[in-house]
Amino acid sequence: QLQLVESGGGSVQPGGSLTLSCVVSGVTLAAYAIGWFRRAPGKEREAVSCISTRSGGVHWKDSVKGRFTISSDNAKDTVYLQMNDLKPEDTAVYYCAAVLSEWCSGHYYFTYWGQGIQVTVSS
């Protein structure tokens, strides 16, 4: 049974950094694409970044390019989202999600979801 658990969220001032972790248990991580999504209050869910065996790391959200880095450590069954130069508009609940695929394609076809974790960027 595949499970995803996010950690590393919290509050930070603008310009600060946070690293989110997503532990993927119950499966071989390399067989899955792992995406990071976020939802701010009153707004639509946004696809942020993804990592998979064949796609590598991909940023779906243009505004995070140059600021966020997605990476994985298969030995630890963990995917990371390092977020630098955080801005108030990055405030959201962040979710990691998984789909059985070697490719990061299709924002809306992820079938497993973590519980979400709050990231708040404010002064």
PDB file of N, CA and C in Angstrom:
ATOM      1  N   GLN A   1       0.845  -1.181   0.000  1.00  0.00           N
ATOM      2  CA  GLN A   1       0.000   0.000   0.000  1.00  0.00           C
ATOM      3  C   GLN A   1       0.889   1.244   0.000  1.00  0.00           C
ATOM      4  N   LEU A   2       0.674   2.087  -0.974  1.00  0.00           N
ATOM      5  CA  LEU A   2       1.463   3.295  -1.088  1.00  0.00           C
ATOM      6  C   LEU A   2       0.942   4.362  -0.122  1.00  0.00           C
ATOM      7  N   GLN A   3       1.858   4.964   0.623  1.00  0.00           N
ATOM      8  CA  GLN A   3       1.519   6.071   1.497  1.00  0.00           C
ATOM      9  C   GLN A   3       2.536   7.182   1.310  1.00  0.00           C
ATOM     10  N   LEU A   4       2.074   8.412   1.449  1.00  0.00           N
ATOM     11  CA  LEU A   4       2.928   9.573   1.334  1.00  0.00           C
ATOM     12  C   LEU A   4       2.734  10.448   2.565  1.00  0.00           C
ATOM     13  N   VAL A   5       3.828  10.867   3.155  1.00  0.00           N
ATOM     14  CA  VAL A   5       3.780  11.705   4.341  1.00  0.00           C
ATOM     15  C   VAL A   5       4.699  12.899   4.143  1.00  0.00           C
ATOM     16  N   GLU A   6       4.124  14.093   4.194  1.00  0.00           N
ATOM     17  CA  GLU A   6       4.893  15.315   4.047  1.00  0.00           C
ATOM     18  C   GLU A   6       5.385  15.808   5.402  1.00  0.00           C
ATOM     19  N   SER A   7       6.505  16.495   5.381  1.00  0.00           N
ATOM     20  CA  SER A   7       7.018  17.143   6.575  1.00  0.00           C
ATOM     21  C   SER A   7       7.879  18.324   6.150  1.00  0.00           C
ATOM     22  N   GLY A   8       8.228  19.161   7.104  1.00  0.00           N
ATOM     23  CA  GLY A   8       9.128  20.270   6.844  1.00  0.00           C
ATOM     24  C   GLY A   8       8.469  21.609   6.626  1.00  0.00           C
ATOM     25  N   GLY A   9       7.163  21.667   6.706  1.00  0.00           N
ATOM     26  CA  GLY A   9       6.474  22.930   6.542  1.00  0.00           C
ATOM     27  C   GLY A   9       6.618  23.811   7.767  1.00  0.00           C
ATOM     28  N   GLY A  10       6.038  24.980   7.671  1.00  0.00           N
ATOM     29  CA  GLY A  10       6.092  25.921   8.772  1.00  0.00           C
ATOM     30  C   GLY A  10       5.959  27.336   8.280  1.00  0.00           C
ATOM     31  N   SER A  11       6.390  28.258   9.109  1.00  0.00           N
ATOM     32  CA  SER A  11       6.318  29.682   8.806  1.00  0.00           C
ATOM     33  C   SER A  11       7.708  30.252   8.594  1.00  0.00           C
ATOM     34  N   VAL A  12       7.813  31.130   7.622  1.00  0.00           N
ATOM     35  CA  VAL A  12       9.091  31.741   7.296  1.00  0.00           C
ATOM     36  C   VAL A  12       8.842  33.152   6.782  1.00  0.00           C
ATOM     37  N   GLN A  13       9.822  34.005   6.938  1.00  0.00           N
ATOM     38  CA  GLN A  13       9.714  35.362   6.423  1.00  0.00           C
ATOM     39  C   GLN A  13      10.009  35.401   4.935  1.00  0.00           C
ATOM     40  N   PRO A  14       9.491  36.401   4.238  1.00  0.00           N
ATOM     41  CA  PRO A  14       9.826  36.529   2.817  1.00  0.00           C
ATOM     42  C   PRO A  14      11.332  36.527   2.593  1.00  0.00           C
ATOM     43  N   GLY A  15      11.748  35.820   1.562  1.00  0.00           N
ATOM     44  CA  GLY A  15      13.157  35.659   1.276  1.00  0.00           C
ATOM     45  C   GLY A  15      13.800  34.476   1.963  1.00  0.00           C
ATOM     46  N   GLY A  16      13.095  33.856   2.872  1.00  0.00           N
ATOM     47  CA  GLY A  16      13.613  32.707   3.584  1.00  0.00           C
ATOM     48  C   GLY A  16      13.475  31.423   2.797  1.00  0.00           C
ATOM     49  N   SER A  17      13.873  30.333   3.433  1.00  0.00           N
ATOM     50  CA  SER A  17      13.889  29.028   2.783  1.00  0.00           C
ATOM     51  C   SER A  17      13.250  27.973   3.663  1.00  0.00           C
ATOM     52  N   LEU A  18      12.669  26.992   3.018  1.00  0.00           N
ATOM     53  CA  LEU A  18      12.162  25.794   3.666  1.00  0.00           C
ATOM     54  C   LEU A  18      12.415  24.620   2.742  1.00  0.00           C
ATOM     55  N   THR A  19      12.578  23.452   3.315  1.00  0.00           N
ATOM     56  CA  THR A  19      12.667  22.231   2.535  1.00  0.00           C
ATOM     57  C   THR A  19      11.578  21.277   2.981  1.00  0.00           C
ATOM     58  N   LEU A  20      10.728  20.901   2.048  1.00  0.00           N
ATOM     59  CA  LEU A  20       9.684  19.929   2.312  1.00  0.00           C
ATOM     60  C   LEU A  20      10.189  18.539   1.964  1.00  0.00           C
ATOM     61  N   SER A  21       9.759  17.566   2.742  1.00  0.00           N
ATOM     62  CA  SER A  21      10.083  16.171   2.490  1.00  0.00           C
ATOM     63  C   SER A  21       8.807  15.384   2.285  1.00  0.00           C
ATOM     64  N   CYS A  22       8.877  14.410   1.412  1.00  0.00           N
ATOM     65  CA  CYS A  22       7.771  13.498   1.174  1.00  0.00           C
ATOM     66  C   CYS A  22       8.319  12.087   1.238  1.00  0.00           C
ATOM     67  N   VAL A  23       7.965  11.365   2.273  1.00  0.00           N
ATOM     68  CA  VAL A  23       8.383   9.977   2.412  1.00  0.00           C
ATOM     69  C   VAL A  23       7.346   9.093   1.745  1.00  0.00           C
ATOM     70  N   VAL A  24       7.801   8.295   0.805  1.00  0.00           N
ATOM     71  CA  VAL A  24       6.927   7.418   0.027  1.00  0.00           C
ATOM     72  C   VAL A  24       7.182   5.998   0.483  1.00  0.00           C
ATOM     73  N   SER A  25       6.209   5.374   1.077  1.00  0.00           N
ATOM     74  CA  SER A  25       6.386   4.043   1.631  1.00  0.00           C
ATOM     75  C   SER A  25       5.482   3.036   0.932  1.00  0.00           C
ATOM     76  N   GLY A  26       5.882   1.781   0.990  1.00  0.00           N
ATOM     77  CA  GLY A  26       5.078   0.694   0.476  1.00  0.00           C
ATOM     78  C   GLY A  26       5.370   0.284  -0.949  1.00  0.00           C
ATOM     79  N   VAL A  27       6.178   1.054  -1.663  1.00  0.00           N
ATOM     80  CA  VAL A  27       6.484   0.782  -3.061  1.00  0.00           C
ATOM     81  C   VAL A  27       7.930   1.143  -3.341  1.00  0.00           C
ATOM     82  N   THR A  28       8.383   0.786  -4.528  1.00  0.00           N
ATOM     83  CA  THR A  28       9.688   1.226  -5.003  1.00  0.00           C
ATOM     84  C   THR A  28       9.538   2.621  -5.587  1.00  0.00           C
ATOM     85  N   LEU A  29      10.214   3.572  -4.989  1.00  0.00           N
ATOM     86  CA  LEU A  29      10.041   4.970  -5.368  1.00  0.00           C
ATOM     87  C   LEU A  29      10.329   5.211  -6.840  1.00  0.00           C
ATOM     88  N   ALA A  30      11.331   4.541  -7.389  1.00  0.00           N
ATOM     89  CA  ALA A  30      11.746   4.803  -8.762  1.00  0.00           C
ATOM     90  C   ALA A  30      10.666   4.488  -9.786  1.00  0.00           C
ATOM     91  N   ALA A  31       9.682   3.693  -9.428  1.00  0.00           N
ATOM     92  CA  ALA A  31       8.626   3.341 -10.360  1.00  0.00           C
ATOM     93  C   ALA A  31       7.535   4.406 -10.470  1.00  0.00           C
ATOM     94  N   TYR A  32       7.605   5.430  -9.639  1.00  0.00           N
ATOM     95  CA  TYR A  32       6.542   6.415  -9.547  1.00  0.00           C
ATOM     96  C   TYR A  32       7.034   7.815  -9.877  1.00  0.00           C
ATOM     97  N   ALA A  33       6.160   8.581 -10.492  1.00  0.00           N
ATOM     98  CA  ALA A  33       6.351  10.018 -10.577  1.00  0.00           C
ATOM     99  C   ALA A  33       5.792  10.645  -9.308  1.00  0.00           C
ATOM    100  N   ILE A  34       6.555  11.550  -8.714  1.00  0.00           N
ATOM    101  CA  ILE A  34       6.146  12.220  -7.495  1.00  0.00           C
ATOM    102  C   ILE A  34       6.015  13.708  -7.792  1.00  0.00           C
ATOM    103  N   GLY A  35       4.837  14.234  -7.565  1.00  0.00           N
ATOM    104  CA  GLY A  35       4.578  15.638  -7.814  1.00  0.00           C
ATOM    105  C   GLY A  35       4.330  16.409  -6.541  1.00  0.00           C
ATOM    106  N   TRP A  36       4.663  17.683  -6.582  1.00  0.00           N
ATOM    107  CA  TRP A  36       4.304  18.618  -5.520  1.00  0.00           C
ATOM    108  C   TRP A  36       3.231  19.551  -6.052  1.00  0.00           C
ATOM    109  N   PHE A  37       2.169  19.676  -5.298  1.00  0.00           N
ATOM    110  CA  PHE A  37       1.053  20.550  -5.612  1.00  0.00           C
ATOM    111  C   PHE A  37       0.807  21.476  -4.436  1.00  0.00           C
ATOM    112  N   ARG A  38       0.099  22.552  -4.684  1.00  0.00           N
ATOM    113  CA  ARG A  38      -0.242  23.445  -3.586  1.00  0.00           C
ATOM    114  C   ARG A  38      -1.602  24.080  -3.828  1.00  0.00           C
ATOM    115  N   ARG A  39      -2.255  24.406  -2.715  1.00  0.00           N
ATOM    116  CA  ARG A  39      -3.536  25.078  -2.780  1.00  0.00           C
ATOM    117  C   ARG A  39      -3.570  26.184  -1.738  1.00  0.00           C
ATOM    118  N   ALA A  40      -3.751  27.398  -2.201  1.00  0.00           N
ATOM    119  CA  ALA A  40      -3.931  28.535  -1.315  1.00  0.00           C
ATOM    120  C   ALA A  40      -5.416  28.717  -1.041  1.00  0.00           C
ATOM    121  N   PRO A  41      -5.764  29.289   0.108  1.00  0.00           N
ATOM    122  CA  PRO A  41      -7.183  29.476   0.426  1.00  0.00           C
ATOM    123  C   PRO A  41      -7.927  30.236  -0.663  1.00  0.00           C
ATOM    124  N   GLY A  42      -9.045  29.685  -1.091  1.00  0.00           N
ATOM    125  CA  GLY A  42      -9.863  30.327  -2.092  1.00  0.00           C
ATOM    126  C   GLY A  42      -9.346  30.243  -3.505  1.00  0.00           C
ATOM    127  N   LYS A  43      -8.277  29.491  -3.730  1.00  0.00           N
ATOM    128  CA  LYS A  43      -7.687  29.402  -5.052  1.00  0.00           C
ATOM    129  C   LYS A  43      -7.663  27.960  -5.541  1.00  0.00           C
ATOM    130  N   GLU A  44      -7.475  27.822  -6.827  1.00  0.00           N
ATOM    131  CA  GLU A  44      -7.378  26.507  -7.428  1.00  0.00           C
ATOM    132  C   GLU A  44      -6.066  25.843  -7.055  1.00  0.00           C
ATOM    133  N   ARG A  45      -6.091  24.529  -7.059  1.00  0.00           N
ATOM    134  CA  ARG A  45      -4.867  23.779  -6.854  1.00  0.00           C
ATOM    135  C   ARG A  45      -3.887  24.051  -7.985  1.00  0.00           C
ATOM    136  N   GLU A  46      -2.628  24.227  -7.643  1.00  0.00           N
ATOM    137  CA  GLU A  46      -1.578  24.448  -8.610  1.00  0.00           C
ATOM    138  C   GLU A  46      -0.608  23.276  -8.621  1.00  0.00           C
ATOM    139  N   ALA A  47      -0.198  22.889  -9.803  1.00  0.00           N
ATOM    140  CA  ALA A  47       0.870  21.910  -9.953  1.00  0.00           C
ATOM    141  C   ALA A  47       2.198  22.651  -9.901  1.00  0.00           C
ATOM    142  N   VAL A  48       3.080  22.248  -9.008  1.00  0.00           N
ATOM    143  CA  VAL A  48       4.315  22.979  -8.772  1.00  0.00           C
ATOM    144  C   VAL A  48       5.500  22.319  -9.468  1.00  0.00           C
ATOM    145  N   SER A  49       5.841  21.109  -9.051  1.00  0.00           N
ATOM    146  CA  SER A  49       7.025  20.431  -9.550  1.00  0.00           C
ATOM    147  C   SER A  49       6.795  18.937  -9.544  1.00  0.00           C
ATOM    148  N   CYS A  50       7.657  18.229 -10.257  1.00  0.00           N
ATOM    149  CA  CYS A  50       7.529  16.777 -10.361  1.00  0.00           C
ATOM    150  C   CYS A  50       8.899  16.173 -10.577  1.00  0.00           C
ATOM    151  N   ILE A  51       9.049  14.940 -10.149  1.00  0.00           N
ATOM    152  CA  ILE A  51      10.278  14.208 -10.417  1.00  0.00           C
ATOM    153  C   ILE A  51       9.921  12.761 -10.721  1.00  0.00           C
ATOM    154  N   SER A  52      10.621  12.195 -11.693  1.00  0.00           N
ATOM    155  CA  SER A  52      10.407  10.813 -12.079  1.00  0.00           C
ATOM    156  C   SER A  52      11.667  10.276 -12.725  1.00  0.00           C
ATOM    157  N   THR A  53      11.683   8.972 -12.930  1.00  0.00           N
ATOM    158  CA  THR A  53      12.876   8.319 -13.454  1.00  0.00           C
ATOM    159  C   THR A  53      13.272   8.857 -14.820  1.00  0.00           C
ATOM    160  N   ARG A  54      12.317   8.987 -15.724  1.00  0.00           N
ATOM    161  CA  ARG A  54      12.648   9.405 -17.083  1.00  0.00           C
ATOM    162  C   ARG A  54      12.597  10.915 -17.287  1.00  0.00           C
ATOM    163  N   SER A  55      11.755  11.596 -16.540  1.00  0.00           N
ATOM    164  CA  SER A  55      11.651  13.038 -16.710  1.00  0.00           C
ATOM    165  C   SER A  55      12.690  13.800 -15.907  1.00  0.00           C
ATOM    166  N   GLY A  56      13.234  13.192 -14.864  1.00  0.00           N
ATOM    167  CA  GLY A  56      14.054  13.950 -13.947  1.00  0.00           C
ATOM    168  C   GLY A  56      13.193  14.953 -13.200  1.00  0.00           C
ATOM    169  N   GLY A  57      13.793  16.071 -12.827  1.00  0.00           N
ATOM    170  CA  GLY A  57      13.058  17.114 -12.138  1.00  0.00           C
ATOM    171  C   GLY A  57      12.440  18.092 -13.109  1.00  0.00           C
ATOM    172  N   VAL A  58      11.188  18.425 -12.872  1.00  0.00           N
ATOM    173  CA  VAL A  58      10.423  19.301 -13.748  1.00  0.00           C
ATOM    174  C   VAL A  58       9.703  20.327 -12.889  1.00  0.00           C
ATOM    175  N   HIS A  59       9.743  21.586 -13.298  1.00  0.00           N
ATOM    176  CA  HIS A  59       8.945  22.629 -12.666  1.00  0.00           C
ATOM    177  C   HIS A  59       7.782  22.974 -13.576  1.00  0.00           C
ATOM    178  N   TRP A  60       6.595  22.653 -13.112  1.00  0.00           N
ATOM    179  CA  TRP A  60       5.399  23.008 -13.864  1.00  0.00           C
ATOM    180  C   TRP A  60       5.022  24.479 -13.684  1.00  0.00           C
ATOM    181  N   LYS A  61       5.302  25.021 -12.514  1.00  0.00           N
ATOM    182  CA  LYS A  61       4.920  26.381 -12.185  1.00  0.00           C
ATOM    183  C   LYS A  61       6.067  27.325 -12.514  1.00  0.00           C
ATOM    184  N   ASP A  62       5.830  28.233 -13.453  1.00  0.00           N
ATOM    185  CA  ASP A  62       6.904  29.102 -13.911  1.00  0.00           C
ATOM    186  C   ASP A  62       7.477  29.967 -12.794  1.00  0.00           C
ATOM    187  N   SER A  63       6.643  30.400 -11.876  1.00  0.00           N
ATOM    188  CA  SER A  63       7.097  31.332 -10.861  1.00  0.00           C
ATOM    189  C   SER A  63       8.057  30.716  -9.850  1.00  0.00           C
ATOM    190  N   VAL A  64       8.188  29.396  -9.826  1.00  0.00           N
ATOM    191  CA  VAL A  64       9.123  28.775  -8.892  1.00  0.00           C
ATOM    192  C   VAL A  64      10.459  28.451  -9.536  1.00  0.00           C
ATOM    193  N   LYS A  65      10.559  28.575 -10.836  1.00  0.00           N
ATOM    194  CA  LYS A  65      11.810  28.278 -11.520  1.00  0.00           C
ATOM    195  C   LYS A  65      12.902  29.229 -11.046  1.00  0.00           C
ATOM    196  N   GLY A  66      14.051  28.663 -10.731  1.00  0.00           N
ATOM    197  CA  GLY A  66      15.144  29.447 -10.183  1.00  0.00           C
ATOM    198  C   GLY A  66      15.098  29.601  -8.688  1.00  0.00           C
ATOM    199  N   ARG A  67      13.986  29.236  -8.063  1.00  0.00           N
ATOM    200  CA  ARG A  67      13.852  29.343  -6.613  1.00  0.00           C
ATOM    201  C   ARG A  67      13.690  27.983  -5.936  1.00  0.00           C
ATOM    202  N   PHE A  68      12.983  27.071  -6.589  1.00  0.00           N
ATOM    203  CA  PHE A  68      12.705  25.760  -6.008  1.00  0.00           C
ATOM    204  C   PHE A  68      13.550  24.697  -6.692  1.00  0.00           C
ATOM    205  N   THR A  69      13.913  23.686  -5.932  1.00  0.00           N
ATOM    206  CA  THR A  69      14.630  22.539  -6.461  1.00  0.00           C
ATOM    207  C   THR A  69      13.952  21.268  -5.977  1.00  0.00           C
ATOM    208  N   ILE A  70      13.642  20.372  -6.898  1.00  0.00           N
ATOM    209  CA  ILE A  70      13.075  19.089  -6.528  1.00  0.00           C
ATOM    210  C   ILE A  70      14.153  18.026  -6.687  1.00  0.00           C
ATOM    211  N   SER A  71      14.214  17.122  -5.737  1.00  0.00           N
ATOM    212  CA  SER A  71      15.211  16.069  -5.764  1.00  0.00           C
ATOM    213  C   SER A  71      14.657  14.843  -5.065  1.00  0.00           C
ATOM    214  N   SER A  72      15.345  13.729  -5.223  1.00  0.00           N
ATOM    215  CA  SER A  72      14.909  12.496  -4.587  1.00  0.00           C
ATOM    216  C   SER A  72      16.100  11.730  -4.045  1.00  0.00           C
ATOM    217  N   ASP A  73      15.845  10.968  -3.029  1.00  0.00           N
ATOM    218  CA  ASP A  73      16.838  10.075  -2.451  1.00  0.00           C
ATOM    219  C   ASP A  73      16.155   8.717  -2.354  1.00  0.00           C
ATOM    220  N   ASN A  74      16.402   7.875  -3.341  1.00  0.00           N
ATOM    221  CA  ASN A  74      15.710   6.591  -3.389  1.00  0.00           C
ATOM    222  C   ASN A  74      16.057   5.701  -2.198  1.00  0.00           C
ATOM    223  N   ALA A  75      17.268   5.822  -1.692  1.00  0.00           N
ATOM    224  CA  ALA A  75      17.663   5.017  -0.542  1.00  0.00           C
ATOM    225  C   ALA A  75      16.840   5.356   0.688  1.00  0.00           C
ATOM    226  N   LYS A  76      16.376   6.593   0.773  1.00  0.00           N
ATOM    227  CA  LYS A  76      15.556   7.027   1.894  1.00  0.00           C
ATOM    228  C   LYS A  76      14.078   7.073   1.557  1.00  0.00           C
ATOM    229  N   ASP A  77      13.725   6.685   0.341  1.00  0.00           N
ATOM    230  CA  ASP A  77      12.333   6.712  -0.112  1.00  0.00           C
ATOM    231  C   ASP A  77      11.719   8.096   0.063  1.00  0.00           C
ATOM    232  N   THR A  78      12.507   9.116  -0.235  1.00  0.00           N
ATOM    233  CA  THR A  78      12.087  10.474   0.059  1.00  0.00           C
ATOM    234  C   THR A  78      12.300  11.387  -1.139  1.00  0.00           C
ATOM    235  N   VAL A  79      11.326  12.256  -1.371  1.00  0.00           N
ATOM    236  CA  VAL A  79      11.421  13.325  -2.351  1.00  0.00           C
ATOM    237  C   VAL A  79      11.413  14.645  -1.605  1.00  0.00           C
ATOM    238  N   TYR A  80      12.251  15.566  -2.056  1.00  0.00           N
ATOM    239  CA  TYR A  80      12.399  16.850  -1.395  1.00  0.00           C
ATOM    240  C   TYR A  80      11.997  17.984  -2.329  1.00  0.00           C
ATOM    241  N   LEU A  81      11.478  19.029  -1.748  1.00  0.00           N
ATOM    242  CA  LEU A  81      11.259  20.274  -2.458  1.00  0.00           C
ATOM    243  C   LEU A  81      11.938  21.376  -1.660  1.00  0.00           C
ATOM    244  N   GLN A  82      13.101  21.797  -2.137  1.00  0.00           N
ATOM    245  CA  GLN A  82      13.816  22.883  -1.496  1.00  0.00           C
ATOM    246  C   GLN A  82      13.304  24.196  -2.060  1.00  0.00           C
ATOM    247  N   MET A  83      12.832  25.050  -1.186  1.00  0.00           N
ATOM    248  CA  MET A  83      12.195  26.294  -1.583  1.00  0.00           C
ATOM    249  C   MET A  83      13.026  27.450  -1.042  1.00  0.00           C
ATOM    250  N   ASN A  84      13.577  28.233  -1.943  1.00  0.00           N
ATOM    251  CA  ASN A  84      14.375  29.393  -1.585  1.00  0.00           C
ATOM    252  C   ASN A  84      13.672  30.670  -2.018  1.00  0.00           C
ATOM    253  N   ASP A  85      14.093  31.775  -1.431  1.00  0.00           N
ATOM    254  CA  ASP A  85      13.535  33.085  -1.766  1.00  0.00           C
ATOM    255  C   ASP A  85      12.015  33.041  -1.745  1.00  0.00           C
ATOM    256  N   LEU A  86      11.485  32.537  -0.665  1.00  0.00           N
ATOM    257  CA  LEU A  86      10.039  32.380  -0.570  1.00  0.00           C
ATOM    258  C   LEU A  86       9.331  33.719  -0.549  1.00  0.00           C
ATOM    259  N   LYS A  87       8.171  33.738  -1.169  1.00  0.00           N
ATOM    260  CA  LYS A  87       7.367  34.936  -1.305  1.00  0.00           C
ATOM    261  C   LYS A  87       6.001  34.696  -0.681  1.00  0.00           C
ATOM    262  N   PRO A  88       5.316  35.759  -0.281  1.00  0.00           N
ATOM    263  CA  PRO A  88       3.990  35.571   0.311  1.00  0.00           C
ATOM    264  C   PRO A  88       3.045  34.764  -0.572  1.00  0.00           C
ATOM    265  N   GLU A  89       3.168  34.903  -1.877  1.00  0.00           N
ATOM    266  CA  GLU A  89       2.296  34.158  -2.769  1.00  0.00           C
ATOM    267  C   GLU A  89       2.590  32.663  -2.800  1.00  0.00           C
ATOM    268  N   ASP A  90       3.673  32.240  -2.157  1.00  0.00           N
ATOM    269  CA  ASP A  90       3.945  30.819  -2.010  1.00  0.00           C
ATOM    270  C   ASP A  90       3.171  30.203  -0.851  1.00  0.00           C
ATOM    271  N   THR A  91       2.512  31.019  -0.060  1.00  0.00           N
ATOM    272  CA  THR A  91       1.738  30.515   1.067  1.00  0.00           C
ATOM    273  C   THR A  91       0.626  29.593   0.572  1.00  0.00           C
ATOM    274  N   ALA A  92       0.593  28.391   1.096  1.00  0.00           N
ATOM    275  CA  ALA A  92      -0.389  27.404   0.652  1.00  0.00           C
ATOM    276  C   ALA A  92      -0.216  26.135   1.474  1.00  0.00           C
ATOM    277  N   VAL A  93      -1.172  25.245   1.327  1.00  0.00           N
ATOM    278  CA  VAL A  93      -0.983  23.873   1.771  1.00  0.00           C
ATOM    279  C   VAL A  93      -0.325  23.117   0.628  1.00  0.00           C
ATOM    280  N   TYR A  94       0.783  22.484   0.910  1.00  0.00           N
ATOM    281  CA  TYR A  94       1.535  21.745  -0.093  1.00  0.00           C
ATOM    282  C   TYR A  94       1.281  20.253   0.060  1.00  0.00           C
ATOM    283  N   TYR A  95       1.052  19.607  -1.062  1.00  0.00           N
ATOM    284  CA  TYR A  95       0.775  18.179  -1.096  1.00  0.00           C
ATOM    285  C   TYR A  95       1.789  17.480  -1.986  1.00  0.00           C
ATOM    286  N   CYS A  96       2.252  16.328  -1.566  1.00  0.00           N
ATOM    287  CA  CYS A  96       2.941  15.468  -2.505  1.00  0.00           C
ATOM    288  C   CYS A  96       1.976  14.390  -2.970  1.00  0.00           C
ATOM    289  N   ALA A  97       2.192  13.942  -4.182  1.00  0.00           N
ATOM    290  CA  ALA A  97       1.294  12.986  -4.808  1.00  0.00           C
ATOM    291  C   ALA A  97       2.099  12.048  -5.689  1.00  0.00           C
ATOM    292  N   ALA A  98       1.558  10.869  -5.938  1.00  0.00           N
ATOM    293  CA  ALA A  98       2.265   9.848  -6.690  1.00  0.00           C
ATOM    294  C   ALA A  98       1.370   9.236  -7.754  1.00  0.00           C
ATOM    295  N   VAL A  99       1.987   8.832  -8.842  1.00  0.00           N
ATOM    296  CA  VAL A  99       1.316   8.069  -9.880  1.00  0.00           C
ATOM    297  C   VAL A  99       2.309   7.059 -10.422  1.00  0.00           C
ATOM    298  N   LEU A 100       1.828   5.874 -10.756  1.00  0.00           N
ATOM    299  CA  LEU A 100       2.701   4.825 -11.269  1.00  0.00           C
ATOM    300  C   LEU A 100       3.098   5.183 -12.693  1.00  0.00           C
ATOM    301  N   SER A 101       4.224   5.843 -12.823  1.00  0.00           N
ATOM    302  CA  SER A 101       4.697   6.306 -14.114  1.00  0.00           C
ATOM    303  C   SER A 101       6.160   6.668 -14.014  1.00  0.00           C
ATOM    304  N   GLU A 102       6.883   6.463 -15.118  1.00  0.00           N
ATOM    305  CA  GLU A 102       8.262   6.913 -15.197  1.00  0.00           C
ATOM    306  C   GLU A 102       8.365   8.326 -15.771  1.00  0.00           C
ATOM    307  N   TRP A 103       7.221   8.918 -16.092  1.00  0.00           N
ATOM    308  CA  TRP A 103       7.181  10.232 -16.721  1.00  0.00           C
ATOM    309  C   TRP A 103       6.360  11.208 -15.903  1.00  0.00           C
ATOM    310  N   CYS A 104       6.784  12.457 -15.885  1.00  0.00           N
ATOM    311  CA  CYS A 104       6.034  13.535 -15.266  1.00  0.00           C
ATOM    312  C   CYS A 104       5.156  14.188 -16.323  1.00  0.00           C
ATOM    313  N   SER A 105       4.050  13.555 -16.623  1.00  0.00           N
ATOM    314  CA  SER A 105       3.113  14.077 -17.595  1.00  0.00           C
ATOM    315  C   SER A 105       1.707  13.915 -17.063  1.00  0.00           C
ATOM    316  N   GLY A 106       0.898  14.933 -17.266  1.00  0.00           N
ATOM    317  CA  GLY A 106      -0.470  14.871 -16.789  1.00  0.00           C
ATOM    318  C   GLY A 106      -0.593  15.339 -15.351  1.00  0.00           C
ATOM    319  N   HIS A 107      -0.846  16.622 -15.163  1.00  0.00           N
ATOM    320  CA  HIS A 107      -0.937  17.189 -13.820  1.00  0.00           C
ATOM    321  C   HIS A 107      -2.040  16.560 -12.991  1.00  0.00           C
ATOM    322  N   TYR A 108      -3.082  16.083 -13.633  1.00  0.00           N
ATOM    323  CA  TYR A 108      -4.313  15.740 -12.937  1.00  0.00           C
ATOM    324  C   TYR A 108      -4.589  14.255 -12.874  1.00  0.00           C
ATOM    325  N   TYR A 109      -3.558  13.455 -13.057  1.00  0.00           N
ATOM    326  CA  TYR A 109      -3.742  12.017 -13.037  1.00  0.00           C
ATOM    327  C   TYR A 109      -2.995  11.332 -11.908  1.00  0.00           C
ATOM    328  N   PHE A 110      -2.615  12.091 -10.918  1.00  0.00           N
ATOM    329  CA  PHE A 110      -1.979  11.502  -9.744  1.00  0.00           C
ATOM    330  C   PHE A 110      -3.037  10.817  -8.892  1.00  0.00           C
ATOM    331  N   THR A 111      -2.720   9.630  -8.439  1.00  0.00           N
ATOM    332  CA  THR A 111      -3.713   8.768  -7.808  1.00  0.00           C
ATOM    333  C   THR A 111      -3.527   8.592  -6.314  1.00  0.00           C
ATOM    334  N   TYR A 112      -2.387   8.959  -5.787  1.00  0.00           N
ATOM    335  CA  TYR A 112      -2.119   8.868  -4.356  1.00  0.00           C
ATOM    336  C   TYR A 112      -1.700  10.240  -3.862  1.00  0.00           C
ATOM    337  N   TRP A 113      -2.209  10.607  -2.685  1.00  0.00           N
ATOM    338  CA  TRP A 113      -1.981  11.951  -2.157  1.00  0.00           C
ATOM    339  C   TRP A 113      -1.619  11.903  -0.686  1.00  0.00           C
ATOM    340  N   GLY A 114      -0.692  12.754  -0.308  1.00  0.00           N
ATOM    341  CA  GLY A 114      -0.387  12.940   1.092  1.00  0.00           C
ATOM    342  C   GLY A 114      -1.430  13.810   1.769  1.00  0.00           C
ATOM    343  N   GLN A 115      -1.240  14.039   3.036  1.00  0.00           N
ATOM    344  CA  GLN A 115      -2.218  14.775   3.833  1.00  0.00           C
ATOM    345  C   GLN A 115      -2.117  16.285   3.677  1.00  0.00           C
ATOM    346  N   GLY A 116      -1.016  16.761   3.156  1.00  0.00           N
ATOM    347  CA  GLY A 116      -0.790  18.183   3.001  1.00  0.00           C
ATOM    348  C   GLY A 116      -0.084  18.779   4.195  1.00  0.00           C
ATOM    349  N   ILE A 117       0.681  19.833   3.945  1.00  0.00           N
ATOM    350  CA  ILE A 117       1.397  20.510   5.013  1.00  0.00           C
ATOM    351  C   ILE A 117       1.426  22.004   4.716  1.00  0.00           C
ATOM    352  N   GLN A 118       1.246  22.799   5.757  1.00  0.00           N
ATOM    353  CA  GLN A 118       1.122  24.240   5.598  1.00  0.00           C
ATOM    354  C   GLN A 118       2.484  24.894   5.446  1.00  0.00           C
ATOM    355  N   VAL A 119       2.576  25.791   4.479  1.00  0.00           N
ATOM    356  CA  VAL A 119       3.709  26.691   4.328  1.00  0.00           C
ATOM    357  C   VAL A 119       3.163  28.109   4.364  1.00  0.00           C
ATOM    358  N   THR A 120       3.666  28.903   5.290  1.00  0.00           N
ATOM    359  CA  THR A 120       3.220  30.278   5.430  1.00  0.00           C
ATOM    360  C   THR A 120       4.415  31.210   5.305  1.00  0.00           C
ATOM    361  N   VAL A 121       4.309  32.159   4.404  1.00  0.00           N
ATOM    362  CA  VAL A 121       5.375  33.129   4.164  1.00  0.00           C
ATOM    363  C   VAL A 121       4.806  34.510   4.478  1.00  0.00           C
ATOM    364  N   SER A 122       5.283  35.094   5.551  1.00  0.00           N
ATOM    365  CA  SER A 122       4.791  36.403   5.957  1.00  0.00           C
ATOM    366  C   SER A 122       5.817  37.068   6.849  1.00  0.00           C
ATOM    367  N   SER A 123       5.691  38.374   6.965  1.00  0.00           N
ATOM    368  CA  SER A 123       6.583  39.126   7.829  1.00  0.00           C
ATOM    369  C   SER A 123       5.988  39.340   9.204  1.00  0.00           C
TER     370      SER A 123
END
